[in-house]
Amino acid sequence: MAEMLVDPALESQILRMVESVTGIQPSLDDNLFERGLVDSLKVVDLILTLEETFELQLAQDEFSFDHLQSVRRIAQWIGELRTRS
């Protein structure tokens, strides 16, 4: 996938959301799974928070764990979804 520029305000908003879900503030590129910040329950919380915050309704086939690996990757994915709608 080509790197796309992401709005720093979007990254900051998602960073706060991830911190709210995990209780820890990761860096933009920390792998949330490898650091143990997100497990199966927290990933559901994170997806629900993303859906609510960005007014999305995501089908299971619209995302993969790759989309949720880091704050930066989440921001890229949300940016892609926003440009499609």
C-alpha atoms as a PDB file:
ATOM      1  CA  MET A   1       0.000   0.000   0.000  1.00  0.00           C
ATOM      2  CA  ALA A   2       1.339   3.450  -0.872  1.00  0.00           C
ATOM      3  CA  GLU A   3       2.096   5.773   1.980  1.00  0.00           C
ATOM      4  CA  MET A   4      -0.418   8.557   2.197  1.00  0.00           C
ATOM      5  CA  LEU A   5      -0.116  11.805   4.065  1.00  0.00           C
ATOM      6  CA  VAL A   6      -2.262  11.906   7.143  1.00  0.00           C
ATOM      7  CA  ASP A   7      -3.665  14.959   8.845  1.00  0.00           C
ATOM      8  CA  PRO A   8      -1.698  15.469  12.085  1.00  0.00           C
ATOM      9  CA  ALA A   9      -4.944  16.478  13.825  1.00  0.00           C
ATOM     10  CA  LEU A  10      -6.453  13.113  12.857  1.00  0.00           C
ATOM     11  CA  GLU A  11      -3.400  11.286  14.200  1.00  0.00           C
ATOM     12  CA  SER A  12      -3.645  13.256  17.435  1.00  0.00           C
ATOM     13  CA  GLN A  13      -7.349  12.475  17.793  1.00  0.00           C
ATOM     14  CA  ILE A  14      -6.743   8.767  17.228  1.00  0.00           C
ATOM     15  CA  LEU A  15      -3.789   8.807  19.623  1.00  0.00           C
ATOM     16  CA  ARG A  16      -6.121  10.129  22.345  1.00  0.00           C
ATOM     17  CA  MET A  17      -8.708   7.460  21.479  1.00  0.00           C
ATOM     18  CA  VAL A  18      -6.131   4.663  21.676  1.00  0.00           C
ATOM     19  CA  GLU A  19      -4.889   6.043  24.985  1.00  0.00           C
ATOM     20  CA  SER A  20      -8.465   6.106  26.285  1.00  0.00           C
ATOM     21  CA  VAL A  21      -9.023   2.458  25.276  1.00  0.00           C
ATOM     22  CA  THR A  22      -5.629   1.133  26.421  1.00  0.00           C
ATOM     23  CA  GLY A  23      -4.782   3.406  29.346  1.00  0.00           C
ATOM     24  CA  ILE A  24      -1.325   3.997  27.811  1.00  0.00           C
ATOM     25  CA  GLN A  25      -0.193   6.549  25.249  1.00  0.00           C
ATOM     26  CA  PRO A  26       1.750   4.788  22.495  1.00  0.00           C
ATOM     27  CA  SER A  27       3.891   6.517  19.898  1.00  0.00           C
ATOM     28  CA  LEU A  28       2.393   6.948  16.439  1.00  0.00           C
ATOM     29  CA  ASP A  29       4.261   3.910  15.099  1.00  0.00           C
ATOM     30  CA  ASP A  30       4.141   1.522  18.075  1.00  0.00           C
ATOM     31  CA  ASN A  31       2.687  -1.825  17.067  1.00  0.00           C
ATOM     32  CA  LEU A  32      -0.303  -1.967  19.415  1.00  0.00           C
ATOM     33  CA  PHE A  33      -0.493  -5.764  19.282  1.00  0.00           C
ATOM     34  CA  GLU A  34       3.223  -6.466  19.761  1.00  0.00           C
ATOM     35  CA  ARG A  35       3.382  -4.062  22.716  1.00  0.00           C
ATOM     36  CA  GLY A  36       0.405  -5.847  24.277  1.00  0.00           C
ATOM     37  CA  LEU A  37      -1.669  -2.663  24.359  1.00  0.00           C
ATOM     38  CA  VAL A  38      -4.537  -4.164  22.358  1.00  0.00           C
ATOM     39  CA  ASP A  39      -5.997  -7.620  22.871  1.00  0.00           C
ATOM     40  CA  SER A  40      -9.178  -9.178  21.485  1.00  0.00           C
ATOM     41  CA  LEU A  41     -11.447  -7.239  23.858  1.00  0.00           C
ATOM     42  CA  LYS A  42      -9.707  -3.903  23.426  1.00  0.00           C
ATOM     43  CA  VAL A  43      -9.695  -4.225  19.658  1.00  0.00           C
ATOM     44  CA  VAL A  44     -13.493  -4.456  19.771  1.00  0.00           C
ATOM     45  CA  ASP A  45     -13.624  -1.364  22.006  1.00  0.00           C
ATOM     46  CA  LEU A  46     -11.301   0.440  19.622  1.00  0.00           C
ATOM     47  CA  ILE A  47     -13.374  -0.455  16.559  1.00  0.00           C
ATOM     48  CA  LEU A  48     -16.591   0.633  18.283  1.00  0.00           C
ATOM     49  CA  THR A  49     -14.959   3.915  19.318  1.00  0.00           C
ATOM     50  CA  LEU A  50     -13.742   4.520  15.759  1.00  0.00           C
ATOM     51  CA  GLU A  51     -17.208   3.778  14.354  1.00  0.00           C
ATOM     52  CA  GLU A  52     -18.894   6.126  16.810  1.00  0.00           C
ATOM     53  CA  THR A  53     -16.358   8.940  16.539  1.00  0.00           C
ATOM     54  CA  PHE A  54     -16.128   8.947  12.750  1.00  0.00           C
ATOM     55  CA  GLU A  55     -19.757   7.913  12.126  1.00  0.00           C
ATOM     56  CA  LEU A  56     -18.757   4.717  10.322  1.00  0.00           C
ATOM     57  CA  GLN A  57     -20.488   1.379  10.039  1.00  0.00           C
ATOM     58  CA  LEU A  58     -17.755  -1.146   9.334  1.00  0.00           C
ATOM     59  CA  ALA A  59     -18.452  -4.616   8.022  1.00  0.00           C
ATOM     60  CA  GLN A  60     -15.980  -7.308   9.034  1.00  0.00           C
ATOM     61  CA  ASP A  61     -14.640  -7.522   5.508  1.00  0.00           C
ATOM     62  CA  GLU A  62     -13.777  -3.790   5.541  1.00  0.00           C
ATOM     63  CA  PHE A  63     -10.920  -4.040   7.996  1.00  0.00           C
ATOM     64  CA  SER A  64      -8.039  -6.233   8.966  1.00  0.00           C
ATOM     65  CA  PHE A  65      -5.706  -6.245  11.923  1.00  0.00           C
ATOM     66  CA  ASP A  66      -3.186  -4.512   9.648  1.00  0.00           C
ATOM     67  CA  HIS A  67      -5.450  -1.444   9.725  1.00  0.00           C
ATOM     68  CA  LEU A  68      -5.206  -1.397  13.530  1.00  0.00           C
ATOM     69  CA  GLN A  69      -1.494  -2.066  14.049  1.00  0.00           C
ATOM     70  CA  SER A  70      -0.492   1.475  14.995  1.00  0.00           C
ATOM     71  CA  VAL A  71      -1.989   4.898  15.527  1.00  0.00           C
ATOM     72  CA  ARG A  72      -0.467   6.061  12.246  1.00  0.00           C
ATOM     73  CA  ARG A  73      -1.919   3.068  10.362  1.00  0.00           C
ATOM     74  CA  ILE A  74      -5.367   3.642  11.907  1.00  0.00           C
ATOM     75  CA  ALA A  75      -5.196   7.298  10.841  1.00  0.00           C
ATOM     76  CA  GLN A  76      -4.248   6.295   7.291  1.00  0.00           C
ATOM     77  CA  TRP A  77      -7.126   3.837   7.154  1.00  0.00           C
ATOM     78  CA  ILE A  78      -9.674   6.323   8.527  1.00  0.00           C
ATOM     79  CA  GLY A  79      -8.365   8.900   6.035  1.00  0.00           C
ATOM     80  CA  GLU A  80      -8.910   6.406   3.201  1.00  0.00           C
ATOM     81  CA  LEU A  81     -12.448   5.629   4.412  1.00  0.00           C
ATOM     82  CA  ARG A  82     -13.298   9.327   4.666  1.00  0.00           C
ATOM     83  CA  THR A  83     -12.153  10.057   1.121  1.00  0.00           C
ATOM     84  CA  ARG A  84     -14.350   7.225  -0.207  1.00  0.00           C
ATOM     85  CA  SER A  85     -17.533   8.570   1.376  1.00  0.00           C
END
